[in-house]
Amino acid sequence: MELRLTPPTTVTAGAVRAPTRPPSLEAGGAAEVAGASGFGQAFKTALHNVSAAQNRATQLQTEFQIGNPNVSLEQTMLAMQKAQIGFQAALHVRNRMMQAYTDVMNMQV
């Protein structure tokens, strides 16, 4: 990841010029600079994985309840536990992020 910073103001011949934004920030915002390996992308991927695990657990529960012989109780319970652990982990990360945000907002400048 390469991020070029420009000075806030540039003085030329006694005049102050407004800062310019790097070309990478002009159209796409910070997401293009961060790339696919940023925290936001990782968190989004993790949430999609948790959602998929919950959907899979729900599907296995339904299949087991209707009597599908290819779905065992152990398989269903394991999928449910994986989904629950993933959800709890995502919830803890969200709570920590909110706490960090609150702490930063309450800082005196």
PDB file of N, CA and C in Angstrom:
ATOM      1  N   MET A   1       0.853  -1.167   0.000  1.00  0.00           N
ATOM      2  CA  MET A   1       0.000   0.000   0.000  1.00  0.00           C
ATOM      3  C   MET A   1       0.898   1.228   0.000  1.00  0.00           C
ATOM      4  N   GLU A   2       0.662   2.115  -0.915  1.00  0.00           N
ATOM      5  CA  GLU A   2       1.449   3.324  -1.009  1.00  0.00           C
ATOM      6  C   GLU A   2       0.527   4.517  -0.853  1.00  0.00           C
ATOM      7  N   LEU A   3       0.865   5.395   0.083  1.00  0.00           N
ATOM      8  CA  LEU A   3       0.069   6.588   0.323  1.00  0.00           C
ATOM      9  C   LEU A   3       1.005   7.776   0.319  1.00  0.00           C
ATOM     10  N   ARG A   4       0.773   8.689  -0.588  1.00  0.00           N
ATOM     11  CA  ARG A   4       1.599   9.885  -0.678  1.00  0.00           C
ATOM     12  C   ARG A   4       0.861  11.037  -0.027  1.00  0.00           C
ATOM     13  N   LEU A   5       1.541  11.713   0.863  1.00  0.00           N
ATOM     14  CA  LEU A   5       0.951  12.853   1.543  1.00  0.00           C
ATOM     15  C   LEU A   5       1.495  14.139   0.949  1.00  0.00           C
ATOM     16  N   THR A   6       0.627  15.099   0.779  1.00  0.00           N
ATOM     17  CA  THR A   6       1.049  16.407   0.309  1.00  0.00           C
ATOM     18  C   THR A   6       0.990  17.355   1.488  1.00  0.00           C
ATOM     19  N   PRO A   7       1.840  18.364   1.507  1.00  0.00           N
ATOM     20  CA  PRO A   7       1.793  19.314   2.606  1.00  0.00           C
ATOM     21  C   PRO A   7       0.467  20.049   2.610  1.00  0.00           C
ATOM     22  N   PRO A   8      -0.004  20.478   3.790  1.00  0.00           N
ATOM     23  CA  PRO A   8      -1.313  21.138   3.861  1.00  0.00           C
ATOM     24  C   PRO A   8      -1.384  22.407   3.035  1.00  0.00           C
ATOM     25  N   THR A   9      -0.317  23.174   3.002  1.00  0.00           N
ATOM     26  CA  THR A   9      -0.317  24.376   2.167  1.00  0.00           C
ATOM     27  C   THR A   9       1.045  24.498   1.504  1.00  0.00           C
ATOM     28  N   THR A  10       1.053  25.081   0.337  1.00  0.00           N
ATOM     29  CA  THR A  10       2.296  25.320  -0.386  1.00  0.00           C
ATOM     30  C   THR A  10       2.390  26.815  -0.653  1.00  0.00           C
ATOM     31  N   VAL A  11       3.507  27.413  -0.292  1.00  0.00           N
ATOM     32  CA  VAL A  11       3.686  28.845  -0.491  1.00  0.00           C
ATOM     33  C   VAL A  11       4.492  29.050  -1.768  1.00  0.00           C
ATOM     34  N   THR A  12       3.914  29.784  -2.713  1.00  0.00           N
ATOM     35  CA  THR A  12       4.623  30.120  -3.955  1.00  0.00           C
ATOM     36  C   THR A  12       4.484  31.611  -4.194  1.00  0.00           C
ATOM     37  N   ALA A  13       5.593  32.268  -4.254  1.00  0.00           N
ATOM     38  CA  ALA A  13       5.661  33.708  -4.548  1.00  0.00           C
ATOM     39  C   ALA A  13       4.751  34.511  -3.639  1.00  0.00           C
ATOM     40  N   GLY A  14       4.711  34.168  -2.365  1.00  0.00           N
ATOM     41  CA  GLY A  14       3.951  34.949  -1.402  1.00  0.00           C
ATOM     42  C   GLY A  14       2.476  34.583  -1.325  1.00  0.00           C
ATOM     43  N   ALA A  15       1.992  33.704  -2.173  1.00  0.00           N
ATOM     44  CA  ALA A  15       0.588  33.316  -2.148  1.00  0.00           C
ATOM     45  C   ALA A  15       0.454  31.927  -1.543  1.00  0.00           C
ATOM     46  N   VAL A  16      -0.642  31.704  -0.877  1.00  0.00           N
ATOM     47  CA  VAL A  16      -0.909  30.405  -0.275  1.00  0.00           C
ATOM     48  C   VAL A  16      -1.864  29.645  -1.179  1.00  0.00           C
ATOM     49  N   ARG A  17      -1.471  28.447  -1.533  1.00  0.00           N
ATOM     50  CA  ARG A  17      -2.278  27.625  -2.420  1.00  0.00           C
ATOM     51  C   ARG A  17      -2.970  26.554  -1.584  1.00  0.00           C
ATOM     52  N   ALA A  18      -4.205  26.245  -1.918  1.00  0.00           N
ATOM     53  CA  ALA A  18      -4.954  25.220  -1.196  1.00  0.00           C
ATOM     54  C   ALA A  18      -4.327  23.849  -1.452  1.00  0.00           C
ATOM     55  N   PRO A  19      -4.406  22.957  -0.476  1.00  0.00           N
ATOM     56  CA  PRO A  19      -3.835  21.623  -0.671  1.00  0.00           C
ATOM     57  C   PRO A  19      -4.602  20.854  -1.735  1.00  0.00           C
ATOM     58  N   THR A  20      -3.889  19.984  -2.408  1.00  0.00           N
ATOM     59  CA  THR A  20      -4.521  19.140  -3.413  1.00  0.00           C
ATOM     60  C   THR A  20      -4.559  17.714  -2.905  1.00  0.00           C
ATOM     61  N   ARG A  21      -5.562  16.981  -3.340  1.00  0.00           N
ATOM     62  CA  ARG A  21      -5.702  15.593  -2.930  1.00  0.00           C
ATOM     63  C   ARG A  21      -4.957  14.710  -3.914  1.00  0.00           C
ATOM     64  N   PRO A  22      -4.375  13.619  -3.423  1.00  0.00           N
ATOM     65  CA  PRO A  22      -3.731  12.683  -4.345  1.00  0.00           C
ATOM     66  C   PRO A  22      -4.748  12.129  -5.335  1.00  0.00           C
ATOM     67  N   PRO A  23      -4.342  11.782  -6.547  1.00  0.00           N
ATOM     68  CA  PRO A  23      -5.283  11.269  -7.550  1.00  0.00           C
ATOM     69  C   PRO A  23      -6.020  10.016  -7.093  1.00  0.00           C
ATOM     70  N   SER A  24      -5.406   9.215  -6.231  1.00  0.00           N
ATOM     71  CA  SER A  24      -6.063   7.986  -5.798  1.00  0.00           C
ATOM     72  C   SER A  24      -7.250   8.272  -4.906  1.00  0.00           C
ATOM     73  N   LEU A  25      -7.321   9.472  -4.295  1.00  0.00           N
ATOM     74  CA  LEU A  25      -8.439   9.803  -3.421  1.00  0.00           C
ATOM     75  C   LEU A  25      -9.520  10.613  -4.118  1.00  0.00           C
ATOM     76  N   GLU A  26      -9.274  11.053  -5.326  1.00  0.00           N
ATOM     77  CA  GLU A  26     -10.219  11.918  -6.007  1.00  0.00           C
ATOM     78  C   GLU A  26     -11.564  11.249  -6.250  1.00  0.00           C
ATOM     79  N   ALA A  27     -11.582  10.081  -6.873  1.00  0.00           N
ATOM     80  CA  ALA A  27     -12.849   9.481  -7.274  1.00  0.00           C
ATOM     81  C   ALA A  27     -13.322   8.405  -6.314  1.00  0.00           C
ATOM     82  N   GLY A  28     -12.435   7.527  -5.875  1.00  0.00           N
ATOM     83  CA  GLY A  28     -12.874   6.345  -5.164  1.00  0.00           C
ATOM     84  C   GLY A  28     -12.844   6.423  -3.662  1.00  0.00           C
ATOM     85  N   GLY A  29     -12.275   7.437  -3.093  1.00  0.00           N
ATOM     86  CA  GLY A  29     -12.214   7.534  -1.660  1.00  0.00           C
ATOM     87  C   GLY A  29     -11.098   6.693  -1.083  1.00  0.00           C
ATOM     88  N   ALA A  30     -11.121   6.527   0.221  1.00  0.00           N
ATOM     89  CA  ALA A  30     -10.048   5.818   0.927  1.00  0.00           C
ATOM     90  C   ALA A  30     -10.066   4.325   0.659  1.00  0.00           C
ATOM     91  N   ALA A  31     -11.155   3.788   0.158  1.00  0.00           N
ATOM     92  CA  ALA A  31     -11.236   2.350  -0.072  1.00  0.00           C
ATOM     93  C   ALA A  31     -10.230   1.900  -1.130  1.00  0.00           C
ATOM     94  N   GLU A  32      -9.980   2.743  -2.126  1.00  0.00           N
ATOM     95  CA  GLU A  32      -9.011   2.368  -3.143  1.00  0.00           C
ATOM     96  C   GLU A  32      -7.594   2.360  -2.580  1.00  0.00           C
ATOM     97  N   VAL A  33      -7.304   3.282  -1.675  1.00  0.00           N
ATOM     98  CA  VAL A  33      -5.979   3.346  -1.094  1.00  0.00           C
ATOM     99  C   VAL A  33      -5.757   2.165  -0.164  1.00  0.00           C
ATOM    100  N   ALA A  34      -6.780   1.830   0.612  1.00  0.00           N
ATOM    101  CA  ALA A  34      -6.648   0.740   1.569  1.00  0.00           C
ATOM    102  C   ALA A  34      -6.496  -0.600   0.860  1.00  0.00           C
ATOM    103  N   GLY A  35      -7.095  -0.744  -0.289  1.00  0.00           N
ATOM    104  CA  GLY A  35      -6.992  -2.001  -1.016  1.00  0.00           C
ATOM    105  C   GLY A  35      -7.873  -3.071  -0.392  1.00  0.00           C
ATOM    106  N   ALA A  36      -7.659  -4.290  -0.818  1.00  0.00           N
ATOM    107  CA  ALA A  36      -8.484  -5.395  -0.354  1.00  0.00           C
ATOM    108  C   ALA A  36      -8.028  -5.920   0.997  1.00  0.00           C
ATOM    109  N   SER A  37      -6.915  -5.436   1.520  1.00  0.00           N
ATOM    110  CA  SER A  37      -6.401  -5.990   2.765  1.00  0.00           C
ATOM    111  C   SER A  37      -6.663  -5.090   3.961  1.00  0.00           C
ATOM    112  N   GLY A  38      -7.550  -4.125   3.845  1.00  0.00           N
ATOM    113  CA  GLY A  38      -7.835  -3.214   4.942  1.00  0.00           C
ATOM    114  C   GLY A  38      -8.708  -3.858   6.007  1.00  0.00           C
ATOM    115  N   PHE A  39      -8.780  -3.197   7.145  1.00  0.00           N
ATOM    116  CA  PHE A  39      -9.582  -3.714   8.253  1.00  0.00           C
ATOM    117  C   PHE A  39     -11.057  -3.787   7.891  1.00  0.00           C
ATOM    118  N   GLY A  40     -11.545  -2.760   7.204  1.00  0.00           N
ATOM    119  CA  GLY A  40     -12.956  -2.745   6.818  1.00  0.00           C
ATOM    120  C   GLY A  40     -13.323  -3.928   5.938  1.00  0.00           C
ATOM    121  N   GLN A  41     -12.459  -4.225   4.974  1.00  0.00           N
ATOM    122  CA  GLN A  41     -12.714  -5.359   4.082  1.00  0.00           C
ATOM    123  C   GLN A  41     -12.646  -6.674   4.853  1.00  0.00           C
ATOM    124  N   ALA A  42     -11.684  -6.789   5.765  1.00  0.00           N
ATOM    125  CA  ALA A  42     -11.561  -8.011   6.561  1.00  0.00           C
ATOM    126  C   ALA A  42     -12.780  -8.201   7.446  1.00  0.00           C
ATOM    127  N   PHE A  43     -13.275  -7.115   8.027  1.00  0.00           N
ATOM    128  CA  PHE A  43     -14.456  -7.206   8.893  1.00  0.00           C
ATOM    129  C   PHE A  43     -15.687  -7.559   8.067  1.00  0.00           C
ATOM    130  N   LYS A  44     -15.796  -6.978   6.883  1.00  0.00           N
ATOM    131  CA  LYS A  44     -16.929  -7.291   6.001  1.00  0.00           C
ATOM    132  C   LYS A  44     -16.913  -8.764   5.605  1.00  0.00           C
ATOM    133  N   THR A  45     -15.731  -9.278   5.270  1.00  0.00           N
ATOM    134  CA  THR A  45     -15.597 -10.691   4.918  1.00  0.00           C
ATOM    135  C   THR A  45     -15.962 -11.584   6.100  1.00  0.00           C
ATOM    136  N   ALA A  46     -15.516 -11.196   7.291  1.00  0.00           N
ATOM    137  CA  ALA A  46     -15.837 -11.982   8.490  1.00  0.00           C
ATOM    138  C   ALA A  46     -17.344 -11.997   8.743  1.00  0.00           C
ATOM    139  N   LEU A  47     -18.008 -10.872   8.550  1.00  0.00           N
ATOM    140  CA  LEU A  47     -19.459 -10.824   8.745  1.00  0.00           C
ATOM    141  C   LEU A  47     -20.187 -11.690   7.721  1.00  0.00           C
ATOM    142  N   HIS A  48     -19.689 -11.690   6.490  1.00  0.00           N
ATOM    143  CA  HIS A  48     -20.292 -12.559   5.467  1.00  0.00           C
ATOM    144  C   HIS A  48     -20.104 -14.034   5.837  1.00  0.00           C
ATOM    145  N   ASN A  49     -18.934 -14.372   6.382  1.00  0.00           N
ATOM    146  CA  ASN A  49     -18.686 -15.754   6.793  1.00  0.00           C
ATOM    147  C   ASN A  49     -19.589 -16.162   7.953  1.00  0.00           C
ATOM    148  N   VAL A  50     -19.799 -15.259   8.904  1.00  0.00           N
ATOM    149  CA  VAL A  50     -20.701 -15.546  10.032  1.00  0.00           C
ATOM    150  C   VAL A  50     -22.127 -15.736   9.520  1.00  0.00           C
ATOM    151  N   SER A  51     -22.532 -14.882   8.599  1.00  0.00           N
ATOM    152  CA  SER A  51     -23.874 -15.005   8.031  1.00  0.00           C
ATOM    153  C   SER A  51     -24.041 -16.324   7.284  1.00  0.00           C
ATOM    154  N   ALA A  52     -23.033 -16.720   6.534  1.00  0.00           N
ATOM    155  CA  ALA A  52     -23.092 -17.989   5.806  1.00  0.00           C
ATOM    156  C   ALA A  52     -23.158 -19.173   6.774  1.00  0.00           C
ATOM    157  N   ALA A  53     -22.406 -19.097   7.874  1.00  0.00           N
ATOM    158  CA  ALA A  53     -22.438 -20.178   8.867  1.00  0.00           C
ATOM    159  C   ALA A  53     -23.816 -20.268   9.519  1.00  0.00           C
ATOM    160  N   GLN A  54     -24.430 -19.123   9.798  1.00  0.00           N
ATOM    161  CA  GLN A  54     -25.769 -19.131  10.378  1.00  0.00           C
ATOM    162  C   GLN A  54     -26.792 -19.685   9.399  1.00  0.00           C
ATOM    163  N   ASN A  55     -26.673 -19.309   8.142  1.00  0.00           N
ATOM    164  CA  ASN A  55     -27.590 -19.838   7.121  1.00  0.00           C
ATOM    165  C   ASN A  55     -27.424 -21.342   6.966  1.00  0.00           C
ATOM    166  N   ARG A  56     -26.185 -21.811   6.985  1.00  0.00           N
ATOM    167  CA  ARG A  56     -25.914 -23.251   6.869  1.00  0.00           C
ATOM    168  C   ARG A  56     -26.498 -24.000   8.057  1.00  0.00           C
ATOM    169  N   ALA A  57     -26.334 -23.449   9.272  1.00  0.00           N
ATOM    170  CA  ALA A  57     -26.877 -24.099  10.464  1.00  0.00           C
ATOM    171  C   ALA A  57     -28.403 -24.171  10.395  1.00  0.00           C
ATOM    172  N   THR A  58     -29.016 -23.092   9.940  1.00  0.00           N
ATOM    173  CA  THR A  58     -30.476 -23.076   9.795  1.00  0.00           C
ATOM    174  C   THR A  58     -30.934 -24.107   8.771  1.00  0.00           C
ATOM    175  N   GLN A  59     -30.200 -24.199   7.674  1.00  0.00           N
ATOM    176  CA  GLN A  59     -30.540 -25.178   6.630  1.00  0.00           C
ATOM    177  C   GLN A  59     -30.424 -26.606   7.173  1.00  0.00           C
ATOM    178  N   LEU A  60     -29.350 -26.883   7.916  1.00  0.00           N
ATOM    179  CA  LEU A  60     -29.177 -28.223   8.487  1.00  0.00           C
ATOM    180  C   LEU A  60     -30.251 -28.537   9.518  1.00  0.00           C
ATOM    181  N   GLN A  61     -30.645 -27.538  10.306  1.00  0.00           N
ATOM    182  CA  GLN A  61     -31.730 -27.750  11.273  1.00  0.00           C
ATOM    183  C   GLN A  61     -33.009 -28.143  10.558  1.00  0.00           C
ATOM    184  N   THR A  62     -33.330 -27.425   9.514  1.00  0.00           N
ATOM    185  CA  THR A  62     -34.547 -27.713   8.755  1.00  0.00           C
ATOM    186  C   THR A  62     -34.488 -29.108   8.140  1.00  0.00           C
ATOM    187  N   GLU A  63     -33.350 -29.435   7.548  1.00  0.00           N
ATOM    188  CA  GLU A  63     -33.193 -30.755   6.938  1.00  0.00           C
ATOM    189  C   GLU A  63     -33.305 -31.867   7.978  1.00  0.00           C
ATOM    190  N   PHE A  64     -32.721 -31.657   9.151  1.00  0.00           N
ATOM    191  CA  PHE A  64     -32.799 -32.681  10.195  1.00  0.00           C
ATOM    192  C   PHE A  64     -34.231 -32.834  10.698  1.00  0.00           C
ATOM    193  N   GLN A  65     -34.943 -31.712  10.835  1.00  0.00           N
ATOM    194  CA  GLN A  65     -36.317 -31.761  11.335  1.00  0.00           C
ATOM    195  C   GLN A  65     -37.267 -32.457  10.370  1.00  0.00           C
ATOM    196  N   ILE A  66     -37.026 -32.335   9.069  1.00  0.00           N
ATOM    197  CA  ILE A  66     -37.920 -33.011   8.118  1.00  0.00           C
ATOM    198  C   ILE A  66     -37.525 -34.463   7.902  1.00  0.00           C
ATOM    199  N   GLY A  67     -36.433 -34.883   8.533  1.00  0.00           N
ATOM    200  CA  GLY A  67     -36.067 -36.289   8.500  1.00  0.00           C
ATOM    201  C   GLY A  67     -35.140 -36.688   7.373  1.00  0.00           C
ATOM    202  N   ASN A  68     -34.328 -35.798   6.884  1.00  0.00           N
ATOM    203  CA  ASN A  68     -33.367 -36.123   5.826  1.00  0.00           C
ATOM    204  C   ASN A  68     -32.337 -37.108   6.390  1.00  0.00           C
ATOM    205  N   PRO A  69     -32.205 -38.301   5.797  1.00  0.00           N
ATOM    206  CA  PRO A  69     -31.269 -39.288   6.340  1.00  0.00           C
ATOM    207  C   PRO A  69     -29.797 -38.918   6.118  1.00  0.00           C
ATOM    208  N   ASN A  70     -29.515 -37.965   5.255  1.00  0.00           N
ATOM    209  CA  ASN A  70     -28.138 -37.553   4.987  1.00  0.00           C
ATOM    210  C   ASN A  70     -27.603 -36.531   5.986  1.00  0.00           C
ATOM    211  N   VAL A  71     -28.472 -36.019   6.888  1.00  0.00           N
ATOM    212  CA  VAL A  71     -28.077 -35.004   7.869  1.00  0.00           C
ATOM    213  C   VAL A  71     -28.177 -35.619   9.257  1.00  0.00           C
ATOM    214  N   SER A  72     -27.051 -35.607   9.971  1.00  0.00           N
ATOM    215  CA  SER A  72     -27.049 -36.198  11.314  1.00  0.00           C
ATOM    216  C   SER A  72     -27.227 -35.115  12.369  1.00  0.00           C
ATOM    217  N   LEU A  73     -27.601 -35.531  13.564  1.00  0.00           N
ATOM    218  CA  LEU A  73     -27.753 -34.616  14.687  1.00  0.00           C
ATOM    219  C   LEU A  73     -26.406 -33.976  15.046  1.00  0.00           C
ATOM    220  N   GLU A  74     -25.346 -34.783  14.997  1.00  0.00           N
ATOM    221  CA  GLU A  74     -24.012 -34.269  15.330  1.00  0.00           C
ATOM    222  C   GLU A  74     -23.588 -33.169  14.362  1.00  0.00           C
ATOM    223  N   GLN A  75     -23.830 -33.400  13.086  1.00  0.00           N
ATOM    224  CA  GLN A  75     -23.483 -32.422  12.060  1.00  0.00           C
ATOM    225  C   GLN A  75     -24.264 -31.117  12.281  1.00  0.00           C
ATOM    226  N   THR A  76     -25.529 -31.252  12.607  1.00  0.00           N
ATOM    227  CA  THR A  76     -26.373 -30.088  12.835  1.00  0.00           C
ATOM    228  C   THR A  76     -25.922 -29.312  14.063  1.00  0.00           C
ATOM    229  N   MET A  77     -25.655 -30.020  15.157  1.00  0.00           N
ATOM    230  CA  MET A  77     -25.231 -29.353  16.387  1.00  0.00           C
ATOM    231  C   MET A  77     -23.875 -28.675  16.208  1.00  0.00           C
ATOM    232  N   LEU A  78     -22.975 -29.300  15.476  1.00  0.00           N
ATOM    233  CA  LEU A  78     -21.663 -28.712  15.227  1.00  0.00           C
ATOM    234  C   LEU A  78     -21.794 -27.421  14.411  1.00  0.00           C
ATOM    235  N   ALA A  79     -22.640 -27.435  13.401  1.00  0.00           N
ATOM    236  CA  ALA A  79     -22.860 -26.232  12.587  1.00  0.00           C
ATOM    237  C   ALA A  79     -23.488 -25.120  13.427  1.00  0.00           C
ATOM    238  N   MET A  80     -24.401 -25.482  14.319  1.00  0.00           N
ATOM    239  CA  MET A  80     -25.024 -24.484  15.187  1.00  0.00           C
ATOM    240  C   MET A  80     -23.995 -23.857  16.127  1.00  0.00           C
ATOM    241  N   GLN A  81     -23.105 -24.662  16.694  1.00  0.00           N
ATOM    242  CA  GLN A  81     -22.084 -24.143  17.592  1.00  0.00           C
ATOM    243  C   GLN A  81     -21.086 -23.254  16.859  1.00  0.00           C
ATOM    244  N   LYS A  82     -20.704 -23.636  15.651  1.00  0.00           N
ATOM    245  CA  LYS A  82     -19.797 -22.804  14.861  1.00  0.00           C
ATOM    246  C   LYS A  82     -20.423 -21.444  14.567  1.00  0.00           C
ATOM    247  N   ALA A  83     -21.701 -21.457  14.221  1.00  0.00           N
ATOM    248  CA  ALA A  83     -22.402 -20.203  13.937  1.00  0.00           C
ATOM    249  C   ALA A  83     -22.501 -19.338  15.191  1.00  0.00           C
ATOM    250  N   GLN A  84     -22.772 -19.959  16.325  1.00  0.00           N
ATOM    251  CA  GLN A  84     -22.894 -19.208  17.573  1.00  0.00           C
ATOM    252  C   GLN A  84     -21.553 -18.593  17.986  1.00  0.00           C
ATOM    253  N   ILE A  85     -20.478 -19.353  17.871  1.00  0.00           N
ATOM    254  CA  ILE A  85     -19.150 -18.840  18.230  1.00  0.00           C
ATOM    255  C   ILE A  85     -18.745 -17.700  17.295  1.00  0.00           C
ATOM    256  N   GLY A  86     -19.005 -17.854  16.017  1.00  0.00           N
ATOM    257  CA  GLY A  86     -18.691 -16.795  15.060  1.00  0.00           C
ATOM    258  C   GLY A  86     -19.477 -15.531  15.349  1.00  0.00           C
ATOM    259  N   PHE A  87     -20.755 -15.670  15.685  1.00  0.00           N
ATOM    260  CA  PHE A  87     -21.580 -14.508  15.997  1.00  0.00           C
ATOM    261  C   PHE A  87     -21.088 -13.816  17.255  1.00  0.00           C
ATOM    262  N   GLN A  88     -20.746 -14.583  18.287  1.00  0.00           N
ATOM    263  CA  GLN A  88     -20.243 -13.995  19.523  1.00  0.00           C
ATOM    264  C   GLN A  88     -18.929 -13.261  19.287  1.00  0.00           C
ATOM    265  N   ALA A  89     -18.050 -13.822  18.469  1.00  0.00           N
ATOM    266  CA  ALA A  89     -16.778 -13.160  18.162  1.00  0.00           C
ATOM    267  C   ALA A  89     -17.023 -11.842  17.428  1.00  0.00           C
ATOM    268  N   ALA A  90     -17.920 -11.845  16.451  1.00  0.00           N
ATOM    269  CA  ALA A  90     -18.237 -10.620  15.717  1.00  0.00           C
ATOM    270  C   ALA A  90     -18.859  -9.580  16.643  1.00  0.00           C
ATOM    271  N   LEU A  91     -19.681 -10.024  17.565  1.00  0.00           N
ATOM    272  CA  LEU A  91     -20.308  -9.117  18.518  1.00  0.00           C
ATOM    273  C   LEU A  91     -19.268  -8.484  19.435  1.00  0.00           C
ATOM    274  N   HIS A  92     -18.293  -9.271  19.884  1.00  0.00           N
ATOM    275  CA  HIS A  92     -17.227  -8.732  20.738  1.00  0.00           C
ATOM    276  C   HIS A  92     -16.374  -7.718  19.976  1.00  0.00           C
ATOM    277  N   VAL A  93     -16.067  -8.011  18.711  1.00  0.00           N
ATOM    278  CA  VAL A  93     -15.288  -7.067  17.905  1.00  0.00           C
ATOM    279  C   VAL A  93     -16.072  -5.777  17.735  1.00  0.00           C
ATOM    280  N   ARG A  94     -17.355  -5.890  17.459  1.00  0.00           N
ATOM    281  CA  ARG A  94     -18.186  -4.688  17.303  1.00  0.00           C
ATOM    282  C   ARG A  94     -18.215  -3.873  18.590  1.00  0.00           C
ATOM    283  N   ASN A  95     -18.362  -4.538  19.725  1.00  0.00           N
ATOM    284  CA  ASN A  95     -18.402  -3.823  21.001  1.00  0.00           C
ATOM    285  C   ASN A  95     -17.071  -3.131  21.295  1.00  0.00           C
ATOM    286  N   ARG A  96     -15.959  -3.796  20.972  1.00  0.00           N
ATOM    287  CA  ARG A  96     -14.651  -3.182  21.194  1.00  0.00           C
ATOM    288  C   ARG A  96     -14.455  -1.981  20.278  1.00  0.00           C
ATOM    289  N   MET A  97     -14.923  -2.076  19.036  1.00  0.00           N
ATOM    290  CA  MET A  97     -14.812  -0.952  18.111  1.00  0.00           C
ATOM    291  C   MET A  97     -15.641   0.231  18.602  1.00  0.00           C
ATOM    292  N   MET A  98     -16.840  -0.037  19.090  1.00  0.00           N
ATOM    293  CA  MET A  98     -17.683   1.037  19.607  1.00  0.00           C
ATOM    294  C   MET A  98     -17.057   1.679  20.840  1.00  0.00           C
ATOM    295  N   GLN A  99     -16.448   0.880  21.698  1.00  0.00           N
ATOM    296  CA  GLN A  99     -15.791   1.411  22.885  1.00  0.00           C
ATOM    297  C   GLN A  99     -14.594   2.282  22.487  1.00  0.00           C
ATOM    298  N   ALA A 100     -13.819   1.834  21.511  1.00  0.00           N
ATOM    299  CA  ALA A 100     -12.683   2.623  21.033  1.00  0.00           C
ATOM    300  C   ALA A 100     -13.160   3.931  20.409  1.00  0.00           C
ATOM    301  N   TYR A 101     -14.235   3.869  19.635  1.00  0.00           N
ATOM    302  CA  TYR A 101     -14.798   5.082  19.032  1.00  0.00           C
ATOM    303  C   TYR A 101     -15.254   6.060  20.108  1.00  0.00           C
ATOM    304  N   THR A 102     -15.929   5.550  21.136  1.00  0.00           N
ATOM    305  CA  THR A 102     -16.386   6.389  22.236  1.00  0.00           C
ATOM    306  C   THR A 102     -15.215   7.019  22.962  1.00  0.00           C
ATOM    307  N   ASP A 103     -14.158   6.237  23.195  1.00  0.00           N
ATOM    308  CA  ASP A 103     -12.978   6.761  23.867  1.00  0.00           C
ATOM    309  C   ASP A 103     -12.324   7.877  23.058  1.00  0.00           C
ATOM    310  N   VAL A 104     -12.221   7.680  21.752  1.00  0.00           N
ATOM    311  CA  VAL A 104     -11.608   8.715  20.900  1.00  0.00           C
ATOM    312  C   VAL A 104     -12.476   9.968  20.879  1.00  0.00           C
ATOM    313  N   MET A 105     -13.783   9.801  20.796  1.00  0.00           N
ATOM    314  CA  MET A 105     -14.675  10.965  20.754  1.00  0.00           C
ATOM    315  C   MET A 105     -14.655  11.740  22.074  1.00  0.00           C
ATOM    316  N   ASN A 106     -14.389  11.062  23.185  1.00  0.00           N
ATOM    317  CA  ASN A 106     -14.381  11.727  24.491  1.00  0.00           C
ATOM    318  C   ASN A 106     -13.016  12.323  24.836  1.00  0.00           C
ATOM    319  N   MET A 107     -12.009  12.139  23.977  1.00  0.00           N
ATOM    320  CA  MET A 107     -10.696  12.703  24.240  1.00  0.00           C
ATOM    321  C   MET A 107     -10.746  14.220  24.111  1.00  0.00           C
ATOM    322  N   GLN A 108     -10.035  14.877  24.992  1.00  0.00           N
ATOM    323  CA  GLN A 108      -9.928  16.322  24.895  1.00  0.00           C
ATOM    324  C   GLN A 108      -8.795  16.672  23.955  1.00  0.00           C
ATOM    325  N   VAL A 109      -9.041  17.669  23.129  1.00  0.00           N
ATOM    326  CA  VAL A 109      -8.031  18.054  22.143  1.00  0.00           C
ATOM    327  C   VAL A 109      -7.212  19.206  22.654  1.00  0.00           C
TER     328      VAL A 109
END
